[in-house]
Amino acid sequence: MRPSPWISSRFLEFGPDSRNVQPFDPAFPLILSRFEFSCSHRVAPNYHDYFEIGYIYKGKCELFAGRKKTDLAPGDLFIIGSDQMHTIYAKAGERPRIITAFFMPQIICRLGSNAPAAGLLRPFYDRSAGFSHRIPASATISRPAYFLLLNLESALGSSDPFRELECTHLLWRLLLLICRRYGRPKAQTGDTGAVRRSGGIDRLKNVFLYLNQHYHENISLRQLASVACFSPAYFCSYFRNIAGLTPKEYITRLRIDKAQELLIKGSMTITGIALETGFESLAYFDRVFRHYTGLSPQEYCRRLKDSRP
């Protein structure tokens, strides 16, 4: 079977509450995709309710998860749990390619289950200070994990009547490798911890929805705190703990995401886009856009034009 094509990361889908969505089959929620990241990738952090295992096939990038920044290079693996704000940046001049498995935990065991299989998911729940999302290329599991992902991709695309059983078997083997790499955490983390973290995201969902509707306006900290029903001081601390950014930093990144969408559509002038997305001047828009994408808006448009057939 031929490998799947590389998909531009700009085609990832996000809901108005900054939640990344995948077109899972409800009966078997497991997807394997190949993404190519570039300066057009979303820069505002997002989250999802499934688990993610990624393998850096090519190129260098930076993973931001919570308040942690991690450099990733070819051969590295990374894992992301549910309800954790994160984003990936392509480094300047790089177009990293990442093979990624997305899956819902119920493929392994029912939520709340005390079955031994629940231990396979333990690393995805770990939020301890010393936890690293990265498994380096030098780790003994890196190559075996890569081949398991390739086999999983092949099995998912087959018409074998035992396809789901084979995929589950391969996913178990992959998770067992990851579990052995991380070992047992000092403190057990299970479903109760997952519920608390989910609650953290849930308490900000109305804020993310509000920001997606009003990002172009001059939004005060007091306004956002009111949406979340927090005091301004507590809201700022809470938001940064969940998103890994201050509210102001998140709004700036969201504006850049919206500007990229409008530049891709190509129906507005750059000056019009700057004003539409809440930037006070073209010069300021140019400076901030360049900071996050490595390109000026004009250069970004030229890259888009050159990449079109």
C-alpha atoms as a PDB file:
ATOM      1  CA  MET A   1       0.000   0.000   0.000  1.00  0.00           C
ATOM      2  CA  ARG A   2       1.293   3.477  -0.913  1.00  0.00           C
ATOM      3  CA  PRO A   3       1.794   5.951   1.970  1.00  0.00           C
ATOM      4  CA  SER A   4      -0.802   8.664   2.504  1.00  0.00           C
ATOM      5  CA  PRO A   5      -0.014  12.085   0.971  1.00  0.00           C
ATOM      6  CA  TRP A   6       1.409  14.870   3.128  1.00  0.00           C
ATOM      7  CA  ILE A   7      -1.343  17.293   4.114  1.00  0.00           C
ATOM      8  CA  SER A   8      -0.668  20.983   4.751  1.00  0.00           C
ATOM      9  CA  SER A   9      -1.125  21.758   8.442  1.00  0.00           C
ATOM     10  CA  ARG A  10      -3.281  24.742   7.513  1.00  0.00           C
ATOM     11  CA  PHE A  11      -6.079  22.288   6.710  1.00  0.00           C
ATOM     12  CA  LEU A  12      -6.347  21.206  10.345  1.00  0.00           C
ATOM     13  CA  GLU A  13      -9.836  22.031  11.590  1.00  0.00           C
ATOM     14  CA  PHE A  14     -10.539  24.066  14.719  1.00  0.00           C
ATOM     15  CA  GLY A  15     -13.813  24.850  16.415  1.00  0.00           C
ATOM     16  CA  PRO A  16     -14.754  28.352  17.625  1.00  0.00           C
ATOM     17  CA  ASP A  17     -13.645  27.324  21.132  1.00  0.00           C
ATOM     18  CA  SER A  18     -10.071  26.580  19.848  1.00  0.00           C
ATOM     19  CA  ARG A  19     -10.697  22.827  19.960  1.00  0.00           C
ATOM     20  CA  ASN A  20      -9.020  20.785  17.235  1.00  0.00           C
ATOM     21  CA  VAL A  21     -11.432  18.310  15.657  1.00  0.00           C
ATOM     22  CA  GLN A  22     -10.799  15.067  13.778  1.00  0.00           C
ATOM     23  CA  PRO A  23     -13.308  13.174  11.595  1.00  0.00           C
ATOM     24  CA  PHE A  24     -13.291  10.046  13.745  1.00  0.00           C
ATOM     25  CA  ASP A  25     -15.420   7.015  12.994  1.00  0.00           C
ATOM     26  CA  PRO A  26     -17.457   6.849  16.246  1.00  0.00           C
ATOM     27  CA  ALA A  27     -17.233   3.048  16.187  1.00  0.00           C
ATOM     28  CA  PHE A  28     -13.429   3.079  15.936  1.00  0.00           C
ATOM     29  CA  PRO A  29     -11.920   6.503  16.787  1.00  0.00           C
ATOM     30  CA  LEU A  30      -8.376   6.135  15.465  1.00  0.00           C
ATOM     31  CA  ILE A  31      -6.806   8.172  12.644  1.00  0.00           C
ATOM     32  CA  LEU A  32      -3.279   8.336  11.272  1.00  0.00           C
ATOM     33  CA  SER A  33      -2.295  11.423   9.248  1.00  0.00           C
ATOM     34  CA  ARG A  34       0.811  12.889   7.633  1.00  0.00           C
ATOM     35  CA  PHE A  35       1.151  16.655   8.068  1.00  0.00           C
ATOM     36  CA  GLU A  36       3.578  19.144   6.602  1.00  0.00           C
ATOM     37  CA  PHE A  37       3.971  22.227   8.790  1.00  0.00           C
ATOM     38  CA  SER A  38       4.945  25.679   7.570  1.00  0.00           C
ATOM     39  CA  CYS A  39       4.575  29.357   8.428  1.00  0.00           C
ATOM     40  CA  SER A  40       0.876  29.060   7.530  1.00  0.00           C
ATOM     41  CA  HIS A  41       0.212  26.818  10.525  1.00  0.00           C
ATOM     42  CA  ARG A  42      -1.990  28.102  13.347  1.00  0.00           C
ATOM     43  CA  VAL A  43       0.065  29.842  16.043  1.00  0.00           C
ATOM     44  CA  ALA A  44      -2.574  30.219  18.773  1.00  0.00           C
ATOM     45  CA  PRO A  45      -2.606  27.206  21.120  1.00  0.00           C
ATOM     46  CA  ASN A  46      -5.394  24.676  20.694  1.00  0.00           C
ATOM     47  CA  TYR A  47      -6.572  21.558  22.504  1.00  0.00           C
ATOM     48  CA  HIS A  48      -8.406  18.337  21.748  1.00  0.00           C
ATOM     49  CA  ASP A  49     -10.282  15.620  23.608  1.00  0.00           C
ATOM     50  CA  TYR A  50      -8.253  12.760  22.117  1.00  0.00           C
ATOM     51  CA  PHE A  51      -4.641  11.587  22.508  1.00  0.00           C
ATOM     52  CA  GLU A  52      -1.844  12.256  20.040  1.00  0.00           C
ATOM     53  CA  ILE A  53       1.419  10.472  19.173  1.00  0.00           C
ATOM     54  CA  GLY A  54       3.673  12.215  16.663  1.00  0.00           C
ATOM     55  CA  TYR A  55       6.881  11.206  14.880  1.00  0.00           C
ATOM     56  CA  ILE A  56       9.095  13.873  13.298  1.00  0.00           C
ATOM     57  CA  TYR A  57       9.808  12.456   9.867  1.00  0.00           C
ATOM     58  CA  LYS A  58      11.636  15.504   8.519  1.00  0.00           C
ATOM     59  CA  GLY A  59      12.575  19.037   9.572  1.00  0.00           C
ATOM     60  CA  LYS A  60      12.844  20.869  12.872  1.00  0.00           C
ATOM     61  CA  CYS A  61      10.063  22.468  14.885  1.00  0.00           C
ATOM     62  CA  GLU A  62       9.103  23.698  18.339  1.00  0.00           C
ATOM     63  CA  LEU A  63       6.345  22.206  20.442  1.00  0.00           C
ATOM     64  CA  PHE A  64       4.644  24.460  22.980  1.00  0.00           C
ATOM     65  CA  ALA A  65       2.539  22.580  25.533  1.00  0.00           C
ATOM     66  CA  GLY A  66       1.304  24.516  28.522  1.00  0.00           C
ATOM     67  CA  ARG A  67       4.273  26.613  29.630  1.00  0.00           C
ATOM     68  CA  LYS A  68       6.872  24.229  28.205  1.00  0.00           C
ATOM     69  CA  LYS A  69       8.756  24.755  24.946  1.00  0.00           C
ATOM     70  CA  THR A  70      10.403  21.689  23.403  1.00  0.00           C
ATOM     71  CA  ASP A  71      12.662  21.543  20.339  1.00  0.00           C
ATOM     72  CA  LEU A  72      11.884  18.611  18.032  1.00  0.00           C
ATOM     73  CA  ALA A  73      14.113  17.139  15.311  1.00  0.00           C
ATOM     74  CA  PRO A  74      13.896  14.200  12.853  1.00  0.00           C
ATOM     75  CA  GLY A  75      13.466  10.879  14.635  1.00  0.00           C
ATOM     76  CA  ASP A  76      11.924  12.421  17.752  1.00  0.00           C
ATOM     77  CA  LEU A  77       8.556  11.289  19.061  1.00  0.00           C
ATOM     78  CA  PHE A  78       6.154  13.404  21.082  1.00  0.00           C
ATOM     79  CA  ILE A  79       2.920  12.731  22.941  1.00  0.00           C
ATOM     80  CA  ILE A  80       0.053  15.070  23.837  1.00  0.00           C
ATOM     81  CA  GLY A  81      -2.800  14.217  26.186  1.00  0.00           C
ATOM     82  CA  SER A  82      -6.383  15.400  26.066  1.00  0.00           C
ATOM     83  CA  ASP A  83      -7.441  18.904  27.097  1.00  0.00           C
ATOM     84  CA  GLN A  84      -3.920  20.301  26.996  1.00  0.00           C
ATOM     85  CA  MET A  85      -3.285  23.573  25.192  1.00  0.00           C
ATOM     86  CA  HIS A  86      -0.458  23.241  22.668  1.00  0.00           C
ATOM     87  CA  THR A  87       0.841  24.323  19.290  1.00  0.00           C
ATOM     88  CA  ILE A  88       3.713  23.517  16.896  1.00  0.00           C
ATOM     89  CA  TYR A  89       5.944  26.054  15.130  1.00  0.00           C
ATOM     90  CA  ALA A  90       8.005  25.289  12.059  1.00  0.00           C
ATOM     91  CA  LYS A  91      11.500  26.688  12.588  1.00  0.00           C
ATOM     92  CA  ALA A  92      12.727  29.350  10.143  1.00  0.00           C
ATOM     93  CA  GLY A  93      13.382  27.843   6.718  1.00  0.00           C
ATOM     94  CA  GLU A  94      11.987  24.440   7.772  1.00  0.00           C
ATOM     95  CA  ARG A  95       8.942  22.525   6.544  1.00  0.00           C
ATOM     96  CA  PRO A  96       8.715  19.714   9.099  1.00  0.00           C
ATOM     97  CA  ARG A  97       6.765  16.591   8.231  1.00  0.00           C
ATOM     98  CA  ILE A  98       5.068  14.763  11.054  1.00  0.00           C
ATOM     99  CA  ILE A  99       3.344  11.356  11.082  1.00  0.00           C
ATOM    100  CA  THR A 100       0.640  11.518  13.727  1.00  0.00           C
ATOM    101  CA  ALA A 101      -1.746   9.031  15.316  1.00  0.00           C
ATOM    102  CA  PHE A 102      -4.895  10.462  16.925  1.00  0.00           C
ATOM    103  CA  PHE A 103      -7.075   8.214  19.060  1.00  0.00           C
ATOM    104  CA  MET A 104      -9.744   8.303  21.727  1.00  0.00           C
ATOM    105  CA  PRO A 105      -8.839   6.476  24.958  1.00  0.00           C
ATOM    106  CA  GLN A 106     -11.857   4.170  24.822  1.00  0.00           C
ATOM    107  CA  ILE A 107     -10.058   2.153  22.132  1.00  0.00           C
ATOM    108  CA  ILE A 108      -7.772   0.983  24.951  1.00  0.00           C
ATOM    109  CA  CYS A 109     -10.215   0.866  27.858  1.00  0.00           C
ATOM    110  CA  ARG A 110     -13.462   2.369  29.075  1.00  0.00           C
ATOM    111  CA  LEU A 111     -13.157   5.701  30.866  1.00  0.00           C
ATOM    112  CA  GLY A 112     -12.977   5.182  34.622  1.00  0.00           C
ATOM    113  CA  SER A 113     -11.866   1.600  34.193  1.00  0.00           C
ATOM    114  CA  ASN A 114      -9.349   0.079  36.605  1.00  0.00           C
ATOM    115  CA  ALA A 115      -8.338  -2.545  34.044  1.00  0.00           C
ATOM    116  CA  PRO A 116      -4.568  -3.116  33.562  1.00  0.00           C
ATOM    117  CA  ALA A 117      -4.880  -1.611  30.067  1.00  0.00           C
ATOM    118  CA  ALA A 118      -5.554   1.781  31.671  1.00  0.00           C
ATOM    119  CA  GLY A 119      -1.867   1.874  32.583  1.00  0.00           C
ATOM    120  CA  LEU A 120      -1.008   2.212  28.881  1.00  0.00           C
ATOM    121  CA  LEU A 121      -2.521   5.710  28.959  1.00  0.00           C
ATOM    122  CA  ARG A 122      -0.700   6.908  32.079  1.00  0.00           C
ATOM    123  CA  PRO A 123       1.943   9.050  30.291  1.00  0.00           C
ATOM    124  CA  PHE A 124      -0.797  11.049  28.550  1.00  0.00           C
ATOM    125  CA  TYR A 125      -2.191  12.149  31.922  1.00  0.00           C
ATOM    126  CA  ASP A 126       1.142  13.212  33.394  1.00  0.00           C
ATOM    127  CA  ARG A 127       1.378  16.968  34.065  1.00  0.00           C
ATOM    128  CA  SER A 128       4.254  16.832  36.566  1.00  0.00           C
ATOM    129  CA  ALA A 129       6.916  19.560  36.443  1.00  0.00           C
ATOM    130  CA  GLY A 130       9.618  17.218  35.143  1.00  0.00           C
ATOM    131  CA  PHE A 131       7.522  15.581  32.433  1.00  0.00           C
ATOM    132  CA  SER A 132       8.815  15.868  28.860  1.00  0.00           C
ATOM    133  CA  HIS A 133       6.526  15.476  25.858  1.00  0.00           C
ATOM    134  CA  ARG A 134       9.549  14.549  23.735  1.00  0.00           C
ATOM    135  CA  ILE A 135      11.081  11.106  23.291  1.00  0.00           C
ATOM    136  CA  PRO A 136      14.420  11.754  21.524  1.00  0.00           C
ATOM    137  CA  ALA A 137      15.554  10.021  18.347  1.00  0.00           C
ATOM    138  CA  SER A 138      18.383   8.481  20.367  1.00  0.00           C
ATOM    139  CA  ALA A 139      15.890   6.551  22.518  1.00  0.00           C
ATOM    140  CA  THR A 140      15.733   2.831  21.764  1.00  0.00           C
ATOM    141  CA  ILE A 141      11.994   3.026  21.066  1.00  0.00           C
ATOM    142  CA  SER A 142      12.216   5.686  18.344  1.00  0.00           C
ATOM    143  CA  ARG A 143      12.678   3.419  15.293  1.00  0.00           C
ATOM    144  CA  PRO A 144      10.375   0.612  16.505  1.00  0.00           C
ATOM    145  CA  ALA A 145       7.701   3.243  17.184  1.00  0.00           C
ATOM    146  CA  TYR A 146       8.149   4.672  13.681  1.00  0.00           C
ATOM    147  CA  PHE A 147       7.645   1.250  12.058  1.00  0.00           C
ATOM    148  CA  LEU A 148       4.603   0.593  14.254  1.00  0.00           C
ATOM    149  CA  LEU A 149       3.097   3.874  13.008  1.00  0.00           C
ATOM    150  CA  LEU A 150       3.752   2.809   9.401  1.00  0.00           C
ATOM    151  CA  ASN A 151       2.164  -0.588  10.035  1.00  0.00           C
ATOM    152  CA  LEU A 152      -0.773   1.137  11.702  1.00  0.00           C
ATOM    153  CA  GLU A 153      -1.206   3.365   8.660  1.00  0.00           C
ATOM    154  CA  SER A 154      -1.195   0.329   6.389  1.00  0.00           C
ATOM    155  CA  ALA A 155      -3.667  -1.582   8.559  1.00  0.00           C
ATOM    156  CA  LEU A 156      -6.064   1.371   8.753  1.00  0.00           C
ATOM    157  CA  GLY A 157      -6.135   1.559   4.955  1.00  0.00           C
ATOM    158  CA  SER A 158      -6.741  -2.140   4.383  1.00  0.00           C
ATOM    159  CA  SER A 159     -10.005  -3.950   3.717  1.00  0.00           C
ATOM    160  CA  ASP A 160      -9.087  -6.865   5.985  1.00  0.00           C
ATOM    161  CA  PRO A 161     -12.157  -7.947   8.028  1.00  0.00           C
ATOM    162  CA  PHE A 162      -9.824  -8.085  11.058  1.00  0.00           C
ATOM    163  CA  ARG A 163      -8.548  -4.562  10.390  1.00  0.00           C
ATOM    164  CA  GLU A 164      -9.742  -3.100  13.698  1.00  0.00           C
ATOM    165  CA  LEU A 165      -8.260  -5.959  15.710  1.00  0.00           C
ATOM    166  CA  GLU A 166      -4.902  -5.526  13.986  1.00  0.00           C
ATOM    167  CA  CYS A 167      -4.968  -1.758  14.531  1.00  0.00           C
ATOM    168  CA  THR A 168      -5.799  -2.193  18.205  1.00  0.00           C
ATOM    169  CA  HIS A 169      -2.962  -4.698  18.564  1.00  0.00           C
ATOM    170  CA  LEU A 170      -0.480  -2.300  16.907  1.00  0.00           C
ATOM    171  CA  LEU A 171      -1.650   0.626  19.043  1.00  0.00           C
ATOM    172  CA  TRP A 172      -1.233  -1.462  22.210  1.00  0.00           C
ATOM    173  CA  ARG A 173       2.343  -2.314  21.187  1.00  0.00           C
ATOM    174  CA  LEU A 174       3.096   1.350  20.487  1.00  0.00           C
ATOM    175  CA  LEU A 175       1.644   2.471  23.811  1.00  0.00           C
ATOM    176  CA  LEU A 176       3.550  -0.244  25.667  1.00  0.00           C
ATOM    177  CA  LEU A 177       6.826   1.063  24.196  1.00  0.00           C
ATOM    178  CA  ILE A 178       5.927   4.586  25.294  1.00  0.00           C
ATOM    179  CA  CYS A 179       4.837   3.437  28.749  1.00  0.00           C
ATOM    180  CA  ARG A 180       8.102   1.567  29.315  1.00  0.00           C
ATOM    181  CA  ARG A 181      10.064   4.622  28.174  1.00  0.00           C
ATOM    182  CA  TYR A 182       8.411   6.873  30.739  1.00  0.00           C
ATOM    183  CA  GLY A 183       8.209   4.296  33.523  1.00  0.00           C
ATOM    184  CA  ARG A 184       5.937   4.740  36.501  1.00  0.00           C
ATOM    185  CA  PRO A 185       5.425   8.348  37.622  1.00  0.00           C
ATOM    186  CA  LYS A 186       6.199   9.187  41.240  1.00  0.00           C
ATOM    187  CA  ALA A 187       2.576   9.985  41.879  1.00  0.00           C
ATOM    188  CA  GLN A 188      -0.187   8.025  40.230  1.00  0.00           C
ATOM    189  CA  THR A 189      -2.269  10.034  37.787  1.00  0.00           C
ATOM    190  CA  GLY A 190      -5.526   8.634  36.551  1.00  0.00           C
ATOM    191  CA  ASP A 191      -8.994   9.552  35.507  1.00  0.00           C
ATOM    192  CA  THR A 192      -9.617  11.911  38.417  1.00  0.00           C
ATOM    193  CA  GLY A 193      -6.659  14.026  37.290  1.00  0.00           C
ATOM    194  CA  ALA A 194      -8.002  13.966  33.748  1.00  0.00           C
ATOM    195  CA  VAL A 195     -11.359  15.217  34.977  1.00  0.00           C
ATOM    196  CA  ARG A 196      -9.692  18.112  36.844  1.00  0.00           C
ATOM    197  CA  ARG A 197      -7.726  19.123  33.751  1.00  0.00           C
ATOM    198  CA  SER A 198     -10.794  18.855  31.579  1.00  0.00           C
ATOM    199  CA  GLY A 199     -12.541  21.126  34.066  1.00  0.00           C
ATOM    200  CA  GLY A 200      -9.716  23.635  33.585  1.00  0.00           C
ATOM    201  CA  ILE A 201     -10.372  23.816  29.851  1.00  0.00           C
ATOM    202  CA  ASP A 202     -14.137  23.772  30.364  1.00  0.00           C
ATOM    203  CA  ARG A 203     -13.986  26.859  32.563  1.00  0.00           C
ATOM    204  CA  LEU A 204     -12.322  28.770  29.714  1.00  0.00           C
ATOM    205  CA  LYS A 205     -14.395  27.542  26.774  1.00  0.00           C
ATOM    206  CA  ASN A 206     -16.695  30.572  26.936  1.00  0.00           C
ATOM    207  CA  VAL A 207     -13.600  32.783  26.947  1.00  0.00           C
ATOM    208  CA  PHE A 208     -12.223  31.114  23.801  1.00  0.00           C
ATOM    209  CA  LEU A 209     -15.616  31.458  22.116  1.00  0.00           C
ATOM    210  CA  TYR A 210     -15.757  35.136  23.102  1.00  0.00           C
ATOM    211  CA  LEU A 211     -12.249  35.758  21.795  1.00  0.00           C
ATOM    212  CA  ASN A 212     -13.038  34.129  18.449  1.00  0.00           C
ATOM    213  CA  GLN A 213     -15.978  36.508  18.067  1.00  0.00           C
ATOM    214  CA  HIS A 214     -14.308  39.694  19.376  1.00  0.00           C
ATOM    215  CA  TYR A 215     -10.570  39.222  18.706  1.00  0.00           C
ATOM    216  CA  HIS A 216     -10.499  42.328  16.471  1.00  0.00           C
ATOM    217  CA  GLU A 217     -11.783  44.568  19.277  1.00  0.00           C
ATOM    218  CA  ASN A 218      -9.910  46.248  22.121  1.00  0.00           C
ATOM    219  CA  ILE A 219     -10.624  43.622  24.792  1.00  0.00           C
ATOM    220  CA  SER A 220      -9.787  44.363  28.417  1.00  0.00           C
ATOM    221  CA  LEU A 221      -8.674  41.856  31.021  1.00  0.00           C
ATOM    222  CA  ARG A 222     -11.720  42.813  33.071  1.00  0.00           C
ATOM    223  CA  GLN A 223     -14.044  41.873  30.194  1.00  0.00           C
ATOM    224  CA  LEU A 224     -12.480  38.421  29.824  1.00  0.00           C
ATOM    225  CA  ALA A 225     -12.498  37.852  33.586  1.00  0.00           C
ATOM    226  CA  SER A 226     -16.196  38.691  33.603  1.00  0.00           C
ATOM    227  CA  VAL A 227     -16.874  36.112  30.861  1.00  0.00           C
ATOM    228  CA  ALA A 228     -15.087  33.476  32.976  1.00  0.00           C
ATOM    229  CA  CYS A 229     -16.721  34.697  36.212  1.00  0.00           C
ATOM    230  CA  PHE A 230     -13.274  35.243  37.780  1.00  0.00           C
ATOM    231  CA  SER A 231     -11.571  38.234  39.333  1.00  0.00           C
ATOM    232  CA  PRO A 232      -9.115  39.868  36.864  1.00  0.00           C
ATOM    233  CA  ALA A 233      -6.042  38.853  38.892  1.00  0.00           C
ATOM    234  CA  TYR A 234      -7.142  35.232  39.307  1.00  0.00           C
ATOM    235  CA  PHE A 235      -8.274  35.003  35.689  1.00  0.00           C
ATOM    236  CA  CYS A 236      -4.866  36.099  34.357  1.00  0.00           C
ATOM    237  CA  SER A 237      -3.072  33.474  36.445  1.00  0.00           C
ATOM    238  CA  TYR A 238      -5.619  30.755  35.615  1.00  0.00           C
ATOM    239  CA  PHE A 239      -5.566  31.509  31.880  1.00  0.00           C
ATOM    240  CA  ARG A 240      -1.772  31.403  31.723  1.00  0.00           C
ATOM    241  CA  ASN A 241      -1.682  28.129  33.626  1.00  0.00           C
ATOM    242  CA  ILE A 242      -4.056  26.510  31.111  1.00  0.00           C
ATOM    243  CA  ALA A 243      -3.009  28.189  27.841  1.00  0.00           C
ATOM    244  CA  GLY A 244       0.682  28.744  28.571  1.00  0.00           C
ATOM    245  CA  LEU A 245       0.253  32.380  27.464  1.00  0.00           C
ATOM    246  CA  THR A 246      -1.072  35.584  28.950  1.00  0.00           C
ATOM    247  CA  PRO A 247      -4.483  36.648  27.589  1.00  0.00           C
ATOM    248  CA  LYS A 248      -2.778  39.454  25.640  1.00  0.00           C
ATOM    249  CA  GLU A 249      -0.298  37.033  24.025  1.00  0.00           C
ATOM    250  CA  TYR A 250      -3.118  34.641  23.113  1.00  0.00           C
ATOM    251  CA  ILE A 251      -5.158  37.435  21.492  1.00  0.00           C
ATOM    252  CA  THR A 252      -2.133  38.504  19.416  1.00  0.00           C
ATOM    253  CA  ARG A 253      -1.566  34.956  18.156  1.00  0.00           C
ATOM    254  CA  LEU A 254      -5.272  34.557  17.409  1.00  0.00           C
ATOM    255  CA  ARG A 255      -5.193  37.758  15.354  1.00  0.00           C
ATOM    256  CA  ILE A 256      -2.233  36.420  13.355  1.00  0.00           C
ATOM    257  CA  ASP A 257      -4.173  33.180  12.710  1.00  0.00           C
ATOM    258  CA  LYS A 258      -7.159  35.161  11.444  1.00  0.00           C
ATOM    259  CA  ALA A 259      -4.871  37.331   9.294  1.00  0.00           C
ATOM    260  CA  GLN A 260      -3.352  34.197   7.731  1.00  0.00           C
ATOM    261  CA  GLU A 261      -6.836  32.903   6.891  1.00  0.00           C
ATOM    262  CA  LEU A 262      -7.702  36.192   5.157  1.00  0.00           C
ATOM    263  CA  LEU A 263      -4.386  36.298   3.286  1.00  0.00           C
ATOM    264  CA  ILE A 264      -5.001  32.749   2.045  1.00  0.00           C
ATOM    265  CA  LYS A 265      -8.463  33.767   0.778  1.00  0.00           C
ATOM    266  CA  GLY A 266      -6.858  36.680  -1.082  1.00  0.00           C
ATOM    267  CA  SER A 267      -9.994  38.843  -1.222  1.00  0.00           C
ATOM    268  CA  MET A 268      -8.696  41.793   0.857  1.00  0.00           C
ATOM    269  CA  THR A 269      -5.732  44.158   0.788  1.00  0.00           C
ATOM    270  CA  ILE A 270      -3.004  43.730   3.415  1.00  0.00           C
ATOM    271  CA  THR A 271      -3.956  47.087   4.958  1.00  0.00           C
ATOM    272  CA  GLY A 272      -7.582  45.991   5.123  1.00  0.00           C
ATOM    273  CA  ILE A 273      -6.596  42.712   6.781  1.00  0.00           C
ATOM    274  CA  ALA A 274      -4.474  44.535   9.372  1.00  0.00           C
ATOM    275  CA  LEU A 275      -7.418  46.713  10.378  1.00  0.00           C
ATOM    276  CA  GLU A 276      -9.920  43.840  10.168  1.00  0.00           C
ATOM    277  CA  THR A 277      -7.888  41.743  12.612  1.00  0.00           C
ATOM    278  CA  GLY A 278      -7.453  44.473  15.220  1.00  0.00           C
ATOM    279  CA  PHE A 279      -3.983  45.873  14.482  1.00  0.00           C
ATOM    280  CA  GLU A 280      -3.712  49.626  14.949  1.00  0.00           C
ATOM    281  CA  SER A 281      -1.310  50.220  12.069  1.00  0.00           C
ATOM    282  CA  LEU A 282       0.155  48.447   9.070  1.00  0.00           C
ATOM    283  CA  ALA A 283       3.676  48.834  10.465  1.00  0.00           C
ATOM    284  CA  TYR A 284       2.717  47.133  13.743  1.00  0.00           C
ATOM    285  CA  PHE A 285       0.893  44.367  11.859  1.00  0.00           C
ATOM    286  CA  ASP A 286       3.953  43.812   9.654  1.00  0.00           C
ATOM    287  CA  ARG A 287       6.259  43.570  12.691  1.00  0.00           C
ATOM    288  CA  VAL A 288       4.058  41.135  14.638  1.00  0.00           C
ATOM    289  CA  PHE A 289       3.263  38.986  11.583  1.00  0.00           C
ATOM    290  CA  ARG A 290       6.968  38.686  10.779  1.00  0.00           C
ATOM    291  CA  HIS A 291       7.734  37.740  14.389  1.00  0.00           C
ATOM    292  CA  TYR A 292       5.363  34.751  14.332  1.00  0.00           C
ATOM    293  CA  THR A 293       5.707  33.542  10.741  1.00  0.00           C
ATOM    294  CA  GLY A 294       9.231  34.609   9.787  1.00  0.00           C
ATOM    295  CA  LEU A 295       7.784  36.452   6.779  1.00  0.00           C
ATOM    296  CA  SER A 296       6.240  39.838   6.087  1.00  0.00           C
ATOM    297  CA  PRO A 297       2.584  39.748   4.938  1.00  0.00           C
ATOM    298  CA  GLN A 298       3.787  40.597   1.408  1.00  0.00           C
ATOM    299  CA  GLU A 299       6.311  37.740   1.423  1.00  0.00           C
ATOM    300  CA  TYR A 300       3.643  35.413   2.822  1.00  0.00           C
ATOM    301  CA  CYS A 301       1.333  36.292  -0.082  1.00  0.00           C
ATOM    302  CA  ARG A 302       4.118  35.638  -2.604  1.00  0.00           C
ATOM    303  CA  ARG A 303       4.802  32.241  -1.046  1.00  0.00           C
ATOM    304  CA  LEU A 304       1.110  31.395  -1.296  1.00  0.00           C
ATOM    305  CA  LYS A 305       1.022  32.484  -4.946  1.00  0.00           C
ATOM    306  CA  ASP A 306       4.114  30.430  -5.822  1.00  0.00           C
ATOM    307  CA  SER A 307       2.691  27.314  -4.116  1.00  0.00           C
ATOM    308  CA  ARG A 308      -0.571  27.398  -6.054  1.00  0.00           C
ATOM    309  CA  PRO A 309      -0.816  25.349  -9.258  1.00  0.00           C
END
